[in-house]
Amino acid sequence: MAYQIIARAKNASMARALEVALRAYGFHPLEQGEGGLPGVPNLFGAEGVPVQVPEEEAGDATVLAAELLKEMAAPGP
């Protein structure tokens, strides 16, 4: 199964939250691998942590991911 990057999160925590939300809406995001180095804020570079779904889900998942990331980045009340 081929996967497509639909979004890039600022950090691994945000990527995990996005993956959980996508799963709750019925999508099948590729899980991020465990590991990494303690104290390294972003091992994926300036672009952020990639979030991927199967190619056939990419269209709808991209729209949802963009809205979810916008809400996550919004300042609190």
C-alpha atoms as a PDB file:
ATOM      1  CA  MET A   1       0.000   0.000   0.000  1.00  0.00           C
ATOM      2  CA  ALA A   2       1.411   3.388  -0.989  1.00  0.00           C
ATOM      3  CA  TYR A   3       1.241   6.282   1.461  1.00  0.00           C
ATOM      4  CA  GLN A   4       1.179  10.008   0.793  1.00  0.00           C
ATOM      5  CA  ILE A   5       2.253  12.850   3.074  1.00  0.00           C
ATOM      6  CA  ILE A   6      -0.804  15.003   3.758  1.00  0.00           C
ATOM      7  CA  ALA A   7       0.572  17.339   6.426  1.00  0.00           C
ATOM      8  CA  ARG A   8       3.642  18.233   8.433  1.00  0.00           C
ATOM      9  CA  ALA A   9       3.247  18.825  12.160  1.00  0.00           C
ATOM     10  CA  LYS A  10       5.504  21.148  14.184  1.00  0.00           C
ATOM     11  CA  ASN A  11       6.607  18.343  16.510  1.00  0.00           C
ATOM     12  CA  ALA A  12       6.125  14.650  17.225  1.00  0.00           C
ATOM     13  CA  SER A  13       3.444  15.274  19.866  1.00  0.00           C
ATOM     14  CA  MET A  14       1.320  17.255  17.444  1.00  0.00           C
ATOM     15  CA  ALA A  15       1.837  14.580  14.772  1.00  0.00           C
ATOM     16  CA  ARG A  16       0.649  11.866  17.184  1.00  0.00           C
ATOM     17  CA  ALA A  17      -2.424  13.910  18.123  1.00  0.00           C
ATOM     18  CA  LEU A  18      -3.208  14.440  14.443  1.00  0.00           C
ATOM     19  CA  GLU A  19      -2.835  10.707  13.747  1.00  0.00           C
ATOM     20  CA  VAL A  20      -5.227   9.862  16.593  1.00  0.00           C
ATOM     21  CA  ALA A  21      -7.777  12.396  15.331  1.00  0.00           C
ATOM     22  CA  LEU A  22      -7.521  11.091  11.752  1.00  0.00           C
ATOM     23  CA  ARG A  23      -8.021   7.545  13.026  1.00  0.00           C
ATOM     24  CA  ALA A  24     -11.108   8.676  14.955  1.00  0.00           C
ATOM     25  CA  TYR A  25     -12.559   9.996  11.685  1.00  0.00           C
ATOM     26  CA  GLY A  26     -11.984   6.639   9.976  1.00  0.00           C
ATOM     27  CA  PHE A  27      -8.689   7.300   8.192  1.00  0.00           C
ATOM     28  CA  HIS A  28      -5.674   5.001   8.423  1.00  0.00           C
ATOM     29  CA  PRO A  29      -2.574   7.130   9.079  1.00  0.00           C
ATOM     30  CA  LEU A  30       0.847   5.531   9.123  1.00  0.00           C
ATOM     31  CA  GLU A  31       2.068   5.404  12.721  1.00  0.00           C
ATOM     32  CA  GLN A  32       5.271   7.195  13.596  1.00  0.00           C
ATOM     33  CA  GLY A  33       8.030   4.865  14.730  1.00  0.00           C
ATOM     34  CA  GLU A  34       9.134   4.840  18.325  1.00  0.00           C
ATOM     35  CA  GLY A  35      12.540   6.145  19.177  1.00  0.00           C
ATOM     36  CA  GLY A  36      14.379   9.342  18.495  1.00  0.00           C
ATOM     37  CA  LEU A  37      16.923  11.132  20.603  1.00  0.00           C
ATOM     38  CA  PRO A  38      16.035  12.749  23.919  1.00  0.00           C
ATOM     39  CA  GLY A  39      16.461  16.504  23.805  1.00  0.00           C
ATOM     40  CA  VAL A  40      16.345  16.737  20.011  1.00  0.00           C
ATOM     41  CA  PRO A  41      13.270  18.866  19.272  1.00  0.00           C
ATOM     42  CA  ASN A  42      12.826  18.088  15.584  1.00  0.00           C
ATOM     43  CA  LEU A  43      14.735  15.273  13.949  1.00  0.00           C
ATOM     44  CA  PHE A  44      12.767  15.722  10.703  1.00  0.00           C
ATOM     45  CA  GLY A  45      14.090  19.138   9.766  1.00  0.00           C
ATOM     46  CA  ALA A  46      12.472  22.513   9.312  1.00  0.00           C
ATOM     47  CA  GLU A  47       9.524  21.076   7.385  1.00  0.00           C
ATOM     48  CA  GLY A  48       8.199  19.238  10.447  1.00  0.00           C
ATOM     49  CA  VAL A  49       7.036  15.709  11.188  1.00  0.00           C
ATOM     50  CA  PRO A  50       5.298  14.106   8.198  1.00  0.00           C
ATOM     51  CA  VAL A  51       1.816  12.630   8.609  1.00  0.00           C
ATOM     52  CA  GLN A  52       0.926  10.042   5.957  1.00  0.00           C
ATOM     53  CA  VAL A  53      -2.220   8.202   4.895  1.00  0.00           C
ATOM     54  CA  PRO A  54      -2.917   5.704   2.104  1.00  0.00           C
ATOM     55  CA  GLU A  55      -3.046   7.431  -1.282  1.00  0.00           C
ATOM     56  CA  GLU A  56      -6.751   6.679  -1.759  1.00  0.00           C
ATOM     57  CA  GLU A  57      -7.567   8.587   1.473  1.00  0.00           C
ATOM     58  CA  ALA A  58      -5.252  11.532   0.819  1.00  0.00           C
ATOM     59  CA  GLY A  59      -7.792  13.954  -0.671  1.00  0.00           C
ATOM     60  CA  ASP A  60     -10.279  13.953   2.185  1.00  0.00           C
ATOM     61  CA  ALA A  61      -7.638  13.463   4.880  1.00  0.00           C
ATOM     62  CA  THR A  62      -5.672  16.503   3.663  1.00  0.00           C
ATOM     63  CA  VAL A  63      -8.669  18.785   4.134  1.00  0.00           C
ATOM     64  CA  LEU A  64      -9.354  17.425   7.623  1.00  0.00           C
ATOM     65  CA  ALA A  65      -5.678  17.536   8.648  1.00  0.00           C
ATOM     66  CA  ALA A  66      -5.362  21.181   7.582  1.00  0.00           C
ATOM     67  CA  GLU A  67      -8.375  22.161   9.698  1.00  0.00           C
ATOM     68  CA  LEU A  68      -7.175  20.141  12.696  1.00  0.00           C
ATOM     69  CA  LEU A  69      -3.690  21.676  12.538  1.00  0.00           C
ATOM     70  CA  LYS A  70      -5.241  25.146  12.310  1.00  0.00           C
ATOM     71  CA  GLU A  71      -7.255  24.442  15.479  1.00  0.00           C
ATOM     72  CA  MET A  72      -4.200  23.017  17.294  1.00  0.00           C
ATOM     73  CA  ALA A  73      -2.167  26.129  16.469  1.00  0.00           C
ATOM     74  CA  ALA A  74      -4.888  28.594  17.523  1.00  0.00           C
ATOM     75  CA  PRO A  75      -4.285  30.399  20.811  1.00  0.00           C
ATOM     76  CA  GLY A  76      -6.410  29.270  23.738  1.00  0.00           C
ATOM     77  CA  PRO A  77      -9.244  31.266  25.249  1.00  0.00           C
END
